[in-house]
Amino acid sequence: MTENAPDRSAAIQRPAKRRFAGTHTQIRSALTFYKVTSYITGIMLLLLCAEMVLRYGFNLFLFAGATNTLTGESFALGLAQAEPSVIEGVNLSIAVLVAHGWMYVLYLIADFRLWSLMRWPFTKFVLIALGGVIPFLSIILERKIHREVEQELAAHPEAAKRY
């Protein structure tokens, strides 16, 4: 062997894997985004559940600015049987469905961002994602996740600066 050849028997020193994939500021920003979307998604999910009970339990829809064709009465906000008995107006039941769908997409984005910055296992991502489809779970999980993130950040102050 020549003297200029590298010694392959020596262990290669690799830097230790970072605990987080971002700085504390980035993680706290992701946590705030997650908190806002979890509360809005939770409220929209409760509205969606109420709308489903009205729709499938009583065959009622929520309308705004509509006229009842049976009575000729106009109302600013009210419940009516189905589309043929109401003209004009906006079907708020459909608006609740669409709004919850888009808020859930934002909730998943917030979930993914926080999950990837914290380097949690994939099962935690799935658990947090379930918060947007099970009533009250997003609000309960938000408090638990917020507490857990703050504890992990306090336990690892060395990760505060990345660059």
Protein backbone atom coordinates (compact mmCIF):
# COMPACT_ATOMS: atom_id res chain seq x y z
CA MET A 1 0.00 0.00 0.00
CA THR A 2 1.21 3.47 -0.76
CA GLU A 3 1.48 6.23 1.77
CA ASN A 4 -0.81 8.55 -0.22
CA ALA A 5 -3.72 6.10 -0.22
CA PRO A 6 -6.44 6.88 2.31
CA ASP A 7 -6.83 4.58 5.26
CA ARG A 8 -10.22 2.90 4.72
CA SER A 9 -10.11 1.08 8.01
CA ALA A 10 -10.78 4.26 9.97
CA ALA A 11 -14.43 4.92 10.62
CA ILE A 12 -15.90 7.76 8.65
CA GLN A 13 -17.09 10.51 10.94
CA ARG A 14 -20.57 11.64 9.95
CA PRO A 15 -22.30 14.57 11.54
CA ALA A 16 -25.05 13.68 13.96
CA LYS A 17 -28.53 13.74 12.48
CA ARG A 18 -30.39 16.90 13.36
CA ARG A 19 -33.32 16.43 15.70
CA PHE A 20 -35.55 18.79 13.70
CA ALA A 21 -35.75 19.64 10.01
CA GLY A 22 -36.05 23.37 10.74
CA THR A 23 -35.28 26.08 13.23
CA HIS A 24 -37.39 26.80 16.28
CA THR A 25 -38.86 29.81 14.46
CA GLN A 26 -39.90 27.70 11.48
CA ILE A 27 -41.43 25.08 13.75
CA ARG A 28 -43.34 27.67 15.78
CA SER A 29 -44.63 29.19 12.53
CA ALA A 30 -45.81 25.76 11.39
CA LEU A 31 -47.37 25.20 14.81
CA THR A 32 -49.34 28.46 14.55
CA PHE A 33 -50.56 27.55 11.05
CA TYR A 34 -51.57 24.12 12.35
CA LYS A 35 -53.38 25.66 15.33
CA VAL A 36 -55.44 28.05 13.18
CA THR A 37 -56.38 25.41 10.63
CA SER A 38 -57.24 22.84 13.30
CA TYR A 39 -59.72 25.16 15.04
CA ILE A 40 -61.33 26.29 11.78
CA THR A 41 -61.51 22.71 10.47
CA GLY A 42 -62.99 21.52 13.76
CA ILE A 43 -65.70 24.19 13.69
CA MET A 44 -66.46 23.49 10.03
CA LEU A 45 -66.71 19.77 10.81
CA LEU A 46 -69.24 20.45 13.56
CA LEU A 47 -71.27 22.60 11.13
CA LEU A 48 -71.02 19.80 8.59
CA CYS A 49 -72.35 17.27 11.12
CA ALA A 50 -75.28 19.56 11.97
CA GLU A 51 -75.96 20.03 8.25
CA MET A 52 -75.93 16.24 7.68
CA VAL A 53 -78.41 15.70 10.53
CA LEU A 54 -80.73 18.34 9.03
CA ARG A 55 -80.35 16.95 5.52
CA TYR A 56 -80.67 13.21 6.14
CA GLY A 57 -82.71 13.30 9.34
CA PHE A 58 -85.27 15.96 8.46
CA ASN A 59 -84.77 16.57 4.69
CA LEU A 60 -84.01 20.23 5.40
CA PHE A 61 -81.48 22.51 3.74
CA LEU A 62 -80.21 25.88 4.96
CA PHE A 63 -80.89 28.72 2.52
CA ALA A 64 -80.05 32.41 2.52
CA GLY A 65 -82.05 35.04 0.65
CA ALA A 66 -84.59 32.60 -0.79
CA THR A 67 -88.29 32.54 -1.54
CA ASN A 68 -90.51 29.62 -0.60
CA THR A 69 -92.55 28.61 -3.68
CA LEU A 70 -95.31 27.02 -1.62
CA THR A 71 -96.08 30.05 0.56
CA GLY A 72 -94.51 32.84 -1.52
CA GLU A 73 -92.73 34.02 1.62
CA SER A 74 -89.20 35.45 1.34
CA PHE A 75 -86.69 34.80 4.07
CA ALA A 76 -83.17 36.04 4.71
CA LEU A 77 -81.97 32.86 6.41
CA GLY A 78 -83.98 29.74 6.95
CA LEU A 79 -84.58 26.05 6.52
CA ALA A 80 -86.57 24.63 3.63
CA GLN A 81 -87.43 21.16 2.39
CA ALA A 82 -85.59 20.74 -0.87
CA GLU A 83 -84.59 22.62 -4.01
CA PRO A 84 -88.01 22.59 -5.79
CA SER A 85 -89.73 24.35 -2.89
CA VAL A 86 -87.22 27.22 -2.86
CA ILE A 87 -86.29 29.63 -5.63
CA GLU A 88 -83.41 32.06 -5.81
CA GLY A 89 -81.16 32.31 -2.77
CA VAL A 90 -78.01 30.48 -1.87
CA ASN A 91 -77.91 26.92 -0.56
CA LEU A 92 -75.69 27.31 2.51
CA SER A 93 -75.71 23.54 3.09
CA ILE A 94 -73.61 23.08 -0.03
CA ALA A 95 -71.39 26.01 1.00
CA VAL A 96 -70.64 24.27 4.33
CA LEU A 97 -69.65 21.09 2.47
CA VAL A 98 -67.31 22.94 0.11
CA ALA A 99 -65.81 25.13 2.84
CA HIS A 100 -65.05 22.15 5.07
CA GLY A 101 -63.44 20.31 2.14
CA TRP A 102 -61.06 23.17 1.39
CA MET A 103 -60.31 23.78 5.07
CA TYR A 104 -59.45 20.11 5.43
CA VAL A 105 -56.97 20.44 2.55
CA LEU A 106 -55.31 23.37 4.36
CA TYR A 107 -55.38 21.34 7.58
CA LEU A 108 -53.54 18.49 5.83
CA ILE A 109 -50.95 20.94 4.49
CA ALA A 110 -50.43 22.33 8.01
CA ASP A 111 -50.24 18.78 9.37
CA PHE A 112 -47.65 17.78 6.77
CA ARG A 113 -45.54 20.88 7.35
CA LEU A 114 -45.42 20.39 11.12
CA TRP A 115 -44.89 16.63 10.80
CA SER A 116 -41.97 17.03 8.39
CA LEU A 117 -40.28 19.76 10.46
CA MET A 118 -40.59 17.72 13.65
CA ARG A 119 -39.44 14.47 11.96
CA TRP A 120 -42.18 12.42 13.57
CA PRO A 121 -43.12 8.88 12.46
CA PHE A 122 -45.69 8.53 9.68
CA THR A 123 -48.30 7.13 12.06
CA LYS A 124 -48.39 10.49 13.84
CA PHE A 125 -49.13 12.22 10.53
CA VAL A 126 -52.07 9.86 9.97
CA LEU A 127 -53.34 10.39 13.53
CA ILE A 128 -53.28 14.16 13.15
CA ALA A 129 -54.94 13.88 9.72
CA LEU A 130 -57.84 12.00 11.33
CA GLY A 131 -58.52 15.12 13.39
CA GLY A 132 -60.24 16.71 10.40
CA VAL A 133 -62.74 13.89 9.93
CA ILE A 134 -63.66 12.95 13.52
CA PRO A 135 -65.69 15.63 15.36
CA PHE A 136 -63.87 17.39 18.22
CA LEU A 137 -60.64 15.45 17.56
CA SER A 138 -58.84 18.31 15.80
CA ILE A 139 -59.38 20.59 18.80
CA ILE A 140 -58.32 17.91 21.30
CA LEU A 141 -55.27 16.95 19.24
CA GLU A 142 -54.25 20.58 18.74
CA ARG A 143 -53.79 21.07 22.46
CA LYS A 144 -51.87 17.81 22.82
CA ILE A 145 -49.65 18.47 19.78
CA HIS A 146 -48.98 22.06 20.84
CA ARG A 147 -47.85 20.94 24.29
CA GLU A 148 -45.69 18.17 22.82
CA VAL A 149 -43.97 20.47 20.31
CA GLU A 150 -43.19 23.05 22.98
CA GLN A 151 -41.73 20.35 25.25
CA GLU A 152 -39.55 18.97 22.45
CA LEU A 153 -38.31 22.45 21.51
CA ALA A 154 -37.44 23.17 25.15
CA ALA A 155 -35.64 19.82 25.43
CA HIS A 156 -33.50 20.53 22.35
CA PRO A 157 -32.24 24.12 22.49
CA GLU A 158 -29.25 23.18 20.33
CA ALA A 159 -31.57 22.98 17.33
CA ALA A 160 -32.51 26.65 17.56
CA LYS A 161 -29.97 27.70 14.93
CA ARG A 162 -29.57 25.79 11.77
CA TYR A 163 -27.66 28.04 9.44
